[in-house]
mmCIF file of all heavy atoms, coordinates in Angstrom:
data_MODEL
# 
_entry.id   MODEL 
# 
loop_
_atom_site.group_PDB 
_atom_site.id 
_atom_site.type_symbol 
_atom_site.label_atom_id 
_atom_site.label_alt_id 
_atom_site.label_comp_id 
_atom_site.label_asym_id 
_atom_site.label_entity_id 
_atom_site.label_seq_id 
_atom_site.pdbx_PDB_ins_code 
_atom_site.Cartn_x 
_atom_site.Cartn_y 
_atom_site.Cartn_z 
_atom_site.occupancy 
_atom_site.B_iso_or_equiv 
_atom_site.pdbx_formal_charge 
_atom_site.auth_seq_id 
_atom_site.auth_comp_id 
_atom_site.auth_asym_id 
_atom_site.auth_atom_id 
_atom_site.pdbx_PDB_model_num 
ATOM 1   N N   . LYS A 1 1  ? 0.840  -1.195 0.000  1.00 0.00 ? 1  LYS A N   1 
ATOM 2   C CA  . LYS A 1 1  ? 0.000  0.000  0.000  1.00 0.00 ? 1  LYS A CA  1 
ATOM 3   C C   . LYS A 1 1  ? 0.875  1.244  0.000  1.00 0.00 ? 1  LYS A C   1 
ATOM 4   O O   . LYS A 1 1  ? 2.029  1.211  0.429  1.00 0.00 ? 1  LYS A O   1 
ATOM 5   C CB  . LYS A 1 1  ? -0.927 0.014  1.218  1.00 0.00 ? 1  LYS A CB  1 
ATOM 6   C CG  . LYS A 1 1  ? -1.940 -1.118 1.253  1.00 0.00 ? 1  LYS A CG  1 
ATOM 7   C CD  . LYS A 1 1  ? -2.837 -1.023 2.478  1.00 0.00 ? 1  LYS A CD  1 
ATOM 8   C CE  . LYS A 1 1  ? -3.854 -2.151 2.520  1.00 0.00 ? 1  LYS A CE  1 
ATOM 9   N NZ  . LYS A 1 1  ? -4.730 -2.065 3.714  1.00 0.00 ? 1  LYS A NZ  1 
ATOM 10  N N   . VAL A 1 2  ? 0.314  2.335  -0.465 1.00 0.00 ? 2  VAL A N   1 
ATOM 11  C CA  . VAL A 1 2  ? 1.052  3.594  -0.510 1.00 0.00 ? 2  VAL A CA  1 
ATOM 12  C C   . VAL A 1 2  ? 0.139  4.727  -0.077 1.00 0.00 ? 2  VAL A C   1 
ATOM 13  O O   . VAL A 1 2  ? -1.058 4.728  -0.374 1.00 0.00 ? 2  VAL A O   1 
ATOM 14  C CB  . VAL A 1 2  ? 1.624  3.857  -1.924 1.00 0.00 ? 2  VAL A CB  1 
ATOM 15  C CG1 . VAL A 1 2  ? 0.508  4.057  -2.938 1.00 0.00 ? 2  VAL A CG1 1 
ATOM 16  C CG2 . VAL A 1 2  ? 2.579  5.041  -1.924 1.00 0.00 ? 2  VAL A CG2 1 
ATOM 17  N N   . ASP A 1 3  ? 0.721  5.664  0.651  1.00 0.00 ? 3  ASP A N   1 
ATOM 18  C CA  . ASP A 1 3  ? 0.003  6.852  1.103  1.00 0.00 ? 3  ASP A CA  1 
ATOM 19  C C   . ASP A 1 3  ? 0.267  7.974  0.098  1.00 0.00 ? 3  ASP A C   1 
ATOM 20  O O   . ASP A 1 3  ? 1.423  8.264  -0.220 1.00 0.00 ? 3  ASP A O   1 
ATOM 21  C CB  . ASP A 1 3  ? 0.498  7.253  2.499  1.00 0.00 ? 3  ASP A CB  1 
ATOM 22  C CG  . ASP A 1 3  ? -0.294 8.415  3.074  1.00 0.00 ? 3  ASP A CG  1 
ATOM 23  O OD1 . ASP A 1 3  ? 0.007  9.571  2.743  1.00 0.00 ? 3  ASP A OD1 1 
ATOM 24  O OD2 . ASP A 1 3  ? -1.207 8.147  3.871  1.00 0.00 ? 3  ASP A OD2 1 
ATOM 25  N N   . VAL A 1 4  ? -0.791 8.583  -0.417 1.00 0.00 ? 4  VAL A N   1 
ATOM 26  C CA  . VAL A 1 4  ? -0.671 9.600  -1.460 1.00 0.00 ? 4  VAL A CA  1 
ATOM 27  C C   . VAL A 1 4  ? -1.192 10.932 -0.933 1.00 0.00 ? 4  VAL A C   1 
ATOM 28  O O   . VAL A 1 4  ? -2.283 10.992 -0.357 1.00 0.00 ? 4  VAL A O   1 
ATOM 29  C CB  . VAL A 1 4  ? -1.464 9.200  -2.724 1.00 0.00 ? 4  VAL A CB  1 
ATOM 30  C CG1 . VAL A 1 4  ? -1.253 10.232 -3.829 1.00 0.00 ? 4  VAL A CG1 1 
ATOM 31  C CG2 . VAL A 1 4  ? -1.050 7.811  -3.196 1.00 0.00 ? 4  VAL A CG2 1 
ATOM 32  N N   . GLN A 1 5  ? -0.408 11.986 -1.134 1.00 0.00 ? 5  GLN A N   1 
ATOM 33  C CA  . GLN A 1 5  ? -0.834 13.329 -0.761 1.00 0.00 ? 5  GLN A CA  1 
ATOM 34  C C   . GLN A 1 5  ? -0.691 14.246 -1.966 1.00 0.00 ? 5  GLN A C   1 
ATOM 35  O O   . GLN A 1 5  ? 0.378  14.334 -2.573 1.00 0.00 ? 5  GLN A O   1 
ATOM 36  C CB  . GLN A 1 5  ? -0.008 13.861 0.413  1.00 0.00 ? 5  GLN A CB  1 
ATOM 37  C CG  . GLN A 1 5  ? -0.491 15.233 0.897  1.00 0.00 ? 5  GLN A CG  1 
ATOM 38  C CD  . GLN A 1 5  ? 0.227  15.706 2.142  1.00 0.00 ? 5  GLN A CD  1 
ATOM 39  O OE1 . GLN A 1 5  ? 1.240  15.129 2.538  1.00 0.00 ? 5  GLN A OE1 1 
ATOM 40  N NE2 . GLN A 1 5  ? -0.282 16.741 2.773  1.00 0.00 ? 5  GLN A NE2 1 
ATOM 41  N N   . LEU A 1 6  ? -1.773 14.924 -2.311 1.00 0.00 ? 6  LEU A N   1 
ATOM 42  C CA  . LEU A 1 6  ? -1.784 15.848 -3.440 1.00 0.00 ? 6  LEU A CA  1 
ATOM 43  C C   . LEU A 1 6  ? -1.491 17.253 -2.940 1.00 0.00 ? 6  LEU A C   1 
ATOM 44  O O   . LEU A 1 6  ? -2.178 17.758 -2.054 1.00 0.00 ? 6  LEU A O   1 
ATOM 45  C CB  . LEU A 1 6  ? -3.146 15.809 -4.144 1.00 0.00 ? 6  LEU A CB  1 
ATOM 46  C CG  . LEU A 1 6  ? -3.646 14.427 -4.580 1.00 0.00 ? 6  LEU A CG  1 
ATOM 47  C CD1 . LEU A 1 6  ? -5.057 14.526 -5.139 1.00 0.00 ? 6  LEU A CD1 1 
ATOM 48  C CD2 . LEU A 1 6  ? -2.703 13.809 -5.607 1.00 0.00 ? 6  LEU A CD2 1 
ATOM 49  N N   . THR A 1 7  ? -0.468 17.882 -3.493 1.00 0.00 ? 7  THR A N   1 
ATOM 50  C CA  . THR A 1 7  ? -0.127 19.249 -3.119 1.00 0.00 ? 7  THR A CA  1 
ATOM 51  C C   . THR A 1 7  ? -0.042 20.097 -4.380 1.00 0.00 ? 7  THR A C   1 
ATOM 52  O O   . THR A 1 7  ? -0.066 19.582 -5.503 1.00 0.00 ? 7  THR A O   1 
ATOM 53  C CB  . THR A 1 7  ? 1.221  19.311 -2.369 1.00 0.00 ? 7  THR A CB  1 
ATOM 54  O OG1 . THR A 1 7  ? 2.297  19.051 -3.291 1.00 0.00 ? 7  THR A OG1 1 
ATOM 55  C CG2 . THR A 1 7  ? 1.265  18.284 -1.244 1.00 0.00 ? 7  THR A CG2 1 
ATOM 56  N N   . HIS A 1 8  ? 0.070  21.395 -4.191 1.00 0.00 ? 8  HIS A N   1 
ATOM 57  C CA  . HIS A 1 8  ? 0.169  22.290 -5.344 1.00 0.00 ? 8  HIS A CA  1 
ATOM 58  C C   . HIS A 1 8  ? 1.547  22.214 -6.007 1.00 0.00 ? 8  HIS A C   1 
ATOM 59  O O   . HIS A 1 8  ? 1.689  22.640 -7.163 1.00 0.00 ? 8  HIS A O   1 
ATOM 60  C CB  . HIS A 1 8  ? -0.121 23.734 -4.905 1.00 0.00 ? 8  HIS A CB  1 
ATOM 61  C CG  . HIS A 1 8  ? -1.549 23.967 -4.512 1.00 0.00 ? 8  HIS A CG  1 
ATOM 62  N ND1 . HIS A 1 8  ? -2.562 24.156 -5.433 1.00 0.00 ? 8  HIS A ND1 1 
ATOM 63  C CD2 . HIS A 1 8  ? -2.143 24.032 -3.291 1.00 0.00 ? 8  HIS A CD2 1 
ATOM 64  C CE1 . HIS A 1 8  ? -3.718 24.328 -4.803 1.00 0.00 ? 8  HIS A CE1 1 
ATOM 65  N NE2 . HIS A 1 8  ? -3.488 24.267 -3.493 1.00 0.00 ? 8  HIS A NE2 1 
ATOM 66  N N   . ASP A 1 9  ? 2.523  21.667 -5.307 1.00 0.00 ? 9  ASP A N   1 
ATOM 67  C CA  . ASP A 1 9  ? 3.870  21.553 -5.872 1.00 0.00 ? 9  ASP A CA  1 
ATOM 68  C C   . ASP A 1 9  ? 4.117  20.209 -6.534 1.00 0.00 ? 9  ASP A C   1 
ATOM 69  O O   . ASP A 1 9  ? 5.054  20.070 -7.326 1.00 0.00 ? 9  ASP A O   1 
ATOM 70  C CB  . ASP A 1 9  ? 4.925  21.775 -4.777 1.00 0.00 ? 9  ASP A CB  1 
ATOM 71  C CG  . ASP A 1 9  ? 4.849  23.173 -4.189 1.00 0.00 ? 9  ASP A CG  1 
ATOM 72  O OD1 . ASP A 1 9  ? 4.558  24.115 -4.954 1.00 0.00 ? 9  ASP A OD1 1 
ATOM 73  O OD2 . ASP A 1 9  ? 5.087  23.325 -2.977 1.00 0.00 ? 9  ASP A OD2 1 
ATOM 74  N N   . GLY A 1 10 ? 3.311  19.213 -6.202 1.00 0.00 ? 10 GLY A N   1 
ATOM 75  C CA  . GLY A 1 10 ? 3.511  17.883 -6.760 1.00 0.00 ? 10 GLY A CA  1 
ATOM 76  C C   . GLY A 1 10 ? 2.776  16.829 -5.948 1.00 0.00 ? 10 GLY A C   1 
ATOM 77  O O   . GLY A 1 10 ? 1.971  17.142 -5.063 1.00 0.00 ? 10 GLY A O   1 
ATOM 78  N N   . ILE A 1 11 ? 3.053  15.562 -6.248 1.00 0.00 ? 11 ILE A N   1 
ATOM 79  C CA  . ILE A 1 11 ? 2.400  14.433 -5.580 1.00 0.00 ? 11 ILE A CA  1 
ATOM 80  C C   . ILE A 1 11 ? 3.431  13.740 -4.692 1.00 0.00 ? 11 ILE A C   1 
ATOM 81  O O   . ILE A 1 11 ? 4.530  13.404 -5.137 1.00 0.00 ? 11 ILE A O   1 
ATOM 82  C CB  . ILE A 1 11 ? 1.834  13.424 -6.589 1.00 0.00 ? 11 ILE A CB  1 
ATOM 83  C CG1 . ILE A 1 11 ? 1.058  14.145 -7.700 1.00 0.00 ? 11 ILE A CG1 1 
ATOM 84  C CG2 . ILE A 1 11 ? 0.934  12.417 -5.895 1.00 0.00 ? 11 ILE A CG2 1 
ATOM 85  C CD1 . ILE A 1 11 ? 0.585  13.214 -8.792 1.00 0.00 ? 11 ILE A CD1 1 
ATOM 86  N N   . ARG A 1 12 ? 3.053  13.500 -3.438 1.00 0.00 ? 12 ARG A N   1 
ATOM 87  C CA  . ARG A 1 12 ? 3.932  12.829 -2.490 1.00 0.00 ? 12 ARG A CA  1 
ATOM 88  C C   . ARG A 1 12 ? 3.437  11.412 -2.246 1.00 0.00 ? 12 ARG A C   1 
ATOM 89  O O   . ARG A 1 12 ? 2.305  11.205 -1.812 1.00 0.00 ? 12 ARG A O   1 
ATOM 90  C CB  . ARG A 1 12 ? 3.976  13.597 -1.162 1.00 0.00 ? 12 ARG A CB  1 
ATOM 91  C CG  . ARG A 1 12 ? 4.923  13.027 -0.120 1.00 0.00 ? 12 ARG A CG  1 
ATOM 92  C CD  . ARG A 1 12 ? 4.848  13.861 1.148  1.00 0.00 ? 12 ARG A CD  1 
ATOM 93  N NE  . ARG A 1 12 ? 5.818  13.425 2.150  1.00 0.00 ? 12 ARG A NE  1 
ATOM 94  C CZ  . ARG A 1 12 ? 5.586  12.498 3.067  1.00 0.00 ? 12 ARG A CZ  1 
ATOM 95  N NH1 . ARG A 1 12 ? 4.401  11.892 3.098  1.00 0.00 ? 12 ARG A NH1 1 
ATOM 96  N NH2 . ARG A 1 12 ? 6.521  12.171 3.948  1.00 0.00 ? 12 ARG A NH2 1 
ATOM 97  N N   . PHE A 1 13 ? 4.280  10.419 -2.544 1.00 0.00 ? 13 PHE A N   1 
ATOM 98  C CA  . PHE A 1 13 ? 3.974  9.016  -2.309 1.00 0.00 ? 13 PHE A CA  1 
ATOM 99  C C   . PHE A 1 13 ? 4.846  8.528  -1.159 1.00 0.00 ? 13 PHE A C   1 
ATOM 100 O O   . PHE A 1 13 ? 6.067  8.688  -1.188 1.00 0.00 ? 13 PHE A O   1 
ATOM 101 C CB  . PHE A 1 13 ? 4.250  8.176  -3.556 1.00 0.00 ? 13 PHE A CB  1 
ATOM 102 C CG  . PHE A 1 13 ? 3.323  8.454  -4.713 1.00 0.00 ? 13 PHE A CG  1 
ATOM 103 C CD1 . PHE A 1 13 ? 3.586  9.495  -5.591 1.00 0.00 ? 13 PHE A CD1 1 
ATOM 104 C CD2 . PHE A 1 13 ? 2.192  7.669  -4.921 1.00 0.00 ? 13 PHE A CD2 1 
ATOM 105 C CE1 . PHE A 1 13 ? 2.744  9.745  -6.664 1.00 0.00 ? 13 PHE A CE1 1 
ATOM 106 C CE2 . PHE A 1 13 ? 1.347  7.917  -5.987 1.00 0.00 ? 13 PHE A CE2 1 
ATOM 107 C CZ  . PHE A 1 13 ? 1.620  8.962  -6.861 1.00 0.00 ? 13 PHE A CZ  1 
ATOM 108 N N   . ALA A 1 14 ? 4.235  7.905  -0.152 1.00 0.00 ? 14 ALA A N   1 
ATOM 109 C CA  . ALA A 1 14 ? 4.966  7.413  1.013  1.00 0.00 ? 14 ALA A CA  1 
ATOM 110 C C   . ALA A 1 14 ? 4.591  5.961  1.279  1.00 0.00 ? 14 ALA A C   1 
ATOM 111 O O   . ALA A 1 14 ? 3.411  5.628  1.407  1.00 0.00 ? 14 ALA A O   1 
ATOM 112 C CB  . ALA A 1 14 ? 4.677  8.269  2.247  1.00 0.00 ? 14 ALA A CB  1 
ATOM 113 N N   . ALA A 1 15 ? 5.613  5.092  1.336  1.00 0.00 ? 15 ALA A N   1 
ATOM 114 C CA  . ALA A 1 15 ? 5.418  3.676  1.652  1.00 0.00 ? 15 ALA A CA  1 
ATOM 115 C C   . ALA A 1 15 ? 6.024  3.394  3.018  1.00 0.00 ? 15 ALA A C   1 
ATOM 116 O O   . ALA A 1 15 ? 7.065  3.952  3.374  1.00 0.00 ? 15 ALA A O   1 
ATOM 117 C CB  . ALA A 1 15 ? 6.062  2.791  0.586  1.00 0.00 ? 15 ALA A CB  1 
ATOM 118 N N   . ASP A 1 16 ? 5.376  2.515  3.771  1.00 0.00 ? 16 ASP A N   1 
ATOM 119 C CA  . ASP A 1 16 ? 5.802  2.241  5.141  1.00 0.00 ? 16 ASP A CA  1 
ATOM 120 C C   . ASP A 1 16 ? 5.888  0.738  5.373  1.00 0.00 ? 16 ASP A C   1 
ATOM 121 O O   . ASP A 1 16 ? 5.065  -0.031 4.855  1.00 0.00 ? 16 ASP A O   1 
ATOM 122 C CB  . ASP A 1 16 ? 4.809  2.865  6.130  1.00 0.00 ? 16 ASP A CB  1 
ATOM 123 C CG  . ASP A 1 16 ? 5.188  2.613  7.579  1.00 0.00 ? 16 ASP A CG  1 
ATOM 124 O OD1 . ASP A 1 16 ? 4.775  1.571  8.123  1.00 0.00 ? 16 ASP A OD1 1 
ATOM 125 O OD2 . ASP A 1 16 ? 5.895  3.454  8.153  1.00 0.00 ? 16 ASP A OD2 1 
ATOM 126 N N   . HIS A 1 17 ? 6.915  0.319  6.141  1.00 0.00 ? 17 HIS A N   1 
ATOM 127 C CA  . HIS A 1 17 ? 7.067  -1.090 6.492  1.00 0.00 ? 17 HIS A CA  1 
ATOM 128 C C   . HIS A 1 17 ? 7.164  -1.215 8.010  1.00 0.00 ? 17 HIS A C   1 
ATOM 129 O O   . HIS A 1 17 ? 8.223  -0.948 8.600  1.00 0.00 ? 17 HIS A O   1 
ATOM 130 C CB  . HIS A 1 17 ? 8.317  -1.691 5.844  1.00 0.00 ? 17 HIS A CB  1 
ATOM 131 C CG  . HIS A 1 17 ? 8.557  -3.133 6.194  1.00 0.00 ? 17 HIS A CG  1 
ATOM 132 N ND1 . HIS A 1 17 ? 7.841  -4.163 5.630  1.00 0.00 ? 17 HIS A ND1 1 
ATOM 133 C CD2 . HIS A 1 17 ? 9.422  -3.711 7.067  1.00 0.00 ? 17 HIS A CD2 1 
ATOM 134 C CE1 . HIS A 1 17 ? 8.255  -5.310 6.131  1.00 0.00 ? 17 HIS A CE1 1 
ATOM 135 N NE2 . HIS A 1 17 ? 9.218  -5.063 7.009  1.00 0.00 ? 17 HIS A NE2 1 
ATOM 136 N N   . SER A 1 18 ? 6.045  -1.586 8.633  1.00 0.00 ? 18 SER A N   1 
ATOM 137 C CA  . SER A 1 18 ? 5.990  -1.881 10.074 1.00 0.00 ? 18 SER A CA  1 
ATOM 138 C C   . SER A 1 18 ? 6.545  -0.748 10.939 1.00 0.00 ? 18 SER A C   1 
ATOM 139 O O   . SER A 1 18 ? 7.065  -0.996 12.029 1.00 0.00 ? 18 SER A O   1 
ATOM 140 C CB  . SER A 1 18 ? 6.736  -3.182 10.378 1.00 0.00 ? 18 SER A CB  1 
ATOM 141 O OG  . SER A 1 18 ? 6.210  -4.262 9.634  1.00 0.00 ? 18 SER A OG  1 
ATOM 142 N N   . ARG A 1 19 ? 6.483  0.467  10.456 1.00 0.00 ? 19 ARG A N   1 
ATOM 143 C CA  . ARG A 1 19 ? 6.940  1.636  11.213 1.00 0.00 ? 19 ARG A CA  1 
ATOM 144 C C   . ARG A 1 19 ? 8.432  1.622  11.513 1.00 0.00 ? 19 ARG A C   1 
ATOM 145 O O   . ARG A 1 19 ? 8.897  2.338  12.405 1.00 0.00 ? 19 ARG A O   1 
ATOM 146 C CB  . ARG A 1 19 ? 6.156  1.789  12.512 1.00 0.00 ? 19 ARG A CB  1 
ATOM 147 C CG  . ARG A 1 19 ? 4.659  1.971  12.323 1.00 0.00 ? 19 ARG A CG  1 
ATOM 148 C CD  . ARG A 1 19 ? 4.318  3.178  11.493 1.00 0.00 ? 19 ARG A CD  1 
ATOM 149 N NE  . ARG A 1 19 ? 4.747  4.416  12.129 1.00 0.00 ? 19 ARG A NE  1 
ATOM 150 C CZ  . ARG A 1 19 ? 4.971  5.556  11.477 1.00 0.00 ? 19 ARG A CZ  1 
ATOM 151 N NH1 . ARG A 1 19 ? 4.866  5.598  10.160 1.00 0.00 ? 19 ARG A NH1 1 
ATOM 152 N NH2 . ARG A 1 19 ? 5.333  6.627  12.133 1.00 0.00 ? 19 ARG A NH2 1 
ATOM 153 N N   . VAL A 1 20 ? 9.203  0.796  10.802 1.00 0.00 ? 20 VAL A N   1 
ATOM 154 C CA  . VAL A 1 20 ? 10.653 0.786  10.988 1.00 0.00 ? 20 VAL A CA  1 
ATOM 155 C C   . VAL A 1 20 ? 11.374 1.237  9.718  1.00 0.00 ? 20 VAL A C   1 
ATOM 156 O O   . VAL A 1 20 ? 12.577 1.485  9.735  1.00 0.00 ? 20 VAL A O   1 
ATOM 157 C CB  . VAL A 1 20 ? 11.174 -0.602 11.416 1.00 0.00 ? 20 VAL A CB  1 
ATOM 158 C CG1 . VAL A 1 20 ? 10.626 -0.976 12.776 1.00 0.00 ? 20 VAL A CG1 1 
ATOM 159 C CG2 . VAL A 1 20 ? 10.825 -1.663 10.381 1.00 0.00 ? 20 VAL A CG2 1 
ATOM 160 N N   . MET A 1 21 ? 10.647 1.354  8.616  1.00 0.00 ? 21 MET A N   1 
ATOM 161 C CA  . MET A 1 21 ? 11.222 1.822  7.354  1.00 0.00 ? 21 MET A CA  1 
ATOM 162 C C   . MET A 1 21 ? 10.169 2.600  6.600  1.00 0.00 ? 21 MET A C   1 
ATOM 163 O O   . MET A 1 21 ? 8.995  2.229  6.567  1.00 0.00 ? 21 MET A O   1 
ATOM 164 C CB  . MET A 1 21 ? 11.718 0.656  6.508  1.00 0.00 ? 21 MET A CB  1 
ATOM 165 C CG  . MET A 1 21 ? 12.215 1.062  5.128  1.00 0.00 ? 21 MET A CG  1 
ATOM 166 S SD  . MET A 1 21 ? 12.654 -0.368 4.111  1.00 0.00 ? 21 MET A SD  1 
ATOM 167 C CE  . MET A 1 21 ? 13.163 0.463  2.591  1.00 0.00 ? 21 MET A CE  1 
ATOM 168 N N   . GLN A 1 22 ? 10.589 3.699  5.998  1.00 0.00 ? 22 GLN A N   1 
ATOM 169 C CA  . GLN A 1 22 ? 9.686  4.527  5.206  1.00 0.00 ? 22 GLN A CA  1 
ATOM 170 C C   . GLN A 1 22 ? 10.407 5.028  3.964  1.00 0.00 ? 22 GLN A C   1 
ATOM 171 O O   . GLN A 1 22 ? 11.580 5.420  4.023  1.00 0.00 ? 22 GLN A O   1 
ATOM 172 C CB  . GLN A 1 22 ? 9.191  5.715  6.029  1.00 0.00 ? 22 GLN A CB  1 
ATOM 173 C CG  . GLN A 1 22 ? 8.177  6.601  5.301  1.00 0.00 ? 22 GLN A CG  1 
ATOM 174 C CD  . GLN A 1 22 ? 7.765  7.803  6.131  1.00 0.00 ? 22 GLN A CD  1 
ATOM 175 O OE1 . GLN A 1 22 ? 8.594  8.502  6.682  1.00 0.00 ? 22 GLN A OE1 1 
ATOM 176 N NE2 . GLN A 1 22 ? 6.462  8.030  6.238  1.00 0.00 ? 22 GLN A NE2 1 
ATOM 177 N N   . GLY A 1 23 ? 9.708  4.960  2.844  1.00 0.00 ? 23 GLY A N   1 
ATOM 178 C CA  . GLY A 1 23 ? 10.249 5.478  1.591  1.00 0.00 ? 23 GLY A CA  1 
ATOM 179 C C   . GLY A 1 23 ? 9.300  6.513  1.019  1.00 0.00 ? 23 GLY A C   1 
ATOM 180 O O   . GLY A 1 23 ? 8.089  6.285  0.958  1.00 0.00 ? 23 GLY A O   1 
ATOM 181 N N   . VAL A 1 24 ? 9.835  7.655  0.608  1.00 0.00 ? 24 VAL A N   1 
ATOM 182 C CA  . VAL A 1 24 ? 9.023  8.749  0.080  1.00 0.00 ? 24 VAL A CA  1 
ATOM 183 C C   . VAL A 1 24 ? 9.544  9.141  -1.298 1.00 0.00 ? 24 VAL A C   1 
ATOM 184 O O   . VAL A 1 24 ? 10.744 9.378  -1.477 1.00 0.00 ? 24 VAL A O   1 
ATOM 185 C CB  . VAL A 1 24 ? 9.051  9.982  1.013  1.00 0.00 ? 24 VAL A CB  1 
ATOM 186 C CG1 . VAL A 1 24 ? 8.273  11.135 0.392  1.00 0.00 ? 24 VAL A CG1 1 
ATOM 187 C CG2 . VAL A 1 24 ? 8.480  9.633  2.385  1.00 0.00 ? 24 VAL A CG2 1 
ATOM 188 N N   . ALA A 1 25 ? 8.633  9.196  -2.262 1.00 0.00 ? 25 ALA A N   1 
ATOM 189 C CA  . ALA A 1 25 ? 8.953  9.668  -3.608 1.00 0.00 ? 25 ALA A CA  1 
ATOM 190 C C   . ALA A 1 25 ? 8.079  10.882 -3.895 1.00 0.00 ? 25 ALA A C   1 
ATOM 191 O O   . ALA A 1 25 ? 6.851  10.796 -3.792 1.00 0.00 ? 25 ALA A O   1 
ATOM 192 C CB  . ALA A 1 25 ? 8.705  8.577  -4.649 1.00 0.00 ? 25 ALA A CB  1 
ATOM 193 N N   . PHE A 1 26 ? 8.708  11.982 -4.252 1.00 0.00 ? 26 PHE A N   1 
ATOM 194 C CA  . PHE A 1 26 ? 7.959  13.206 -4.551 1.00 0.00 ? 26 PHE A CA  1 
ATOM 195 C C   . PHE A 1 26 ? 8.031  13.467 -6.049 1.00 0.00 ? 26 PHE A C   1 
ATOM 196 O O   . PHE A 1 26 ? 9.126  13.648 -6.617 1.00 0.00 ? 26 PHE A O   1 
ATOM 197 C CB  . PHE A 1 26 ? 8.525  14.394 -3.781 1.00 0.00 ? 26 PHE A CB  1 
ATOM 198 C CG  . PHE A 1 26 ? 7.717  15.658 -3.949 1.00 0.00 ? 26 PHE A CG  1 
ATOM 199 C CD1 . PHE A 1 26 ? 6.520  15.830 -3.260 1.00 0.00 ? 26 PHE A CD1 1 
ATOM 200 C CD2 . PHE A 1 26 ? 8.139  16.660 -4.806 1.00 0.00 ? 26 PHE A CD2 1 
ATOM 201 C CE1 . PHE A 1 26 ? 5.766  16.977 -3.420 1.00 0.00 ? 26 PHE A CE1 1 
ATOM 202 C CE2 . PHE A 1 26 ? 7.397  17.809 -4.977 1.00 0.00 ? 26 PHE A CE2 1 
ATOM 203 C CZ  . PHE A 1 26 ? 6.209  17.967 -4.279 1.00 0.00 ? 26 PHE A CZ  1 
# 
């Protein structure tokens, strides 16, 4: 699953693994 946030500057995608690892692509 991925968390998506829409902003005026771009789209932020955030992936999480058991709260010990997080990856963010903007």
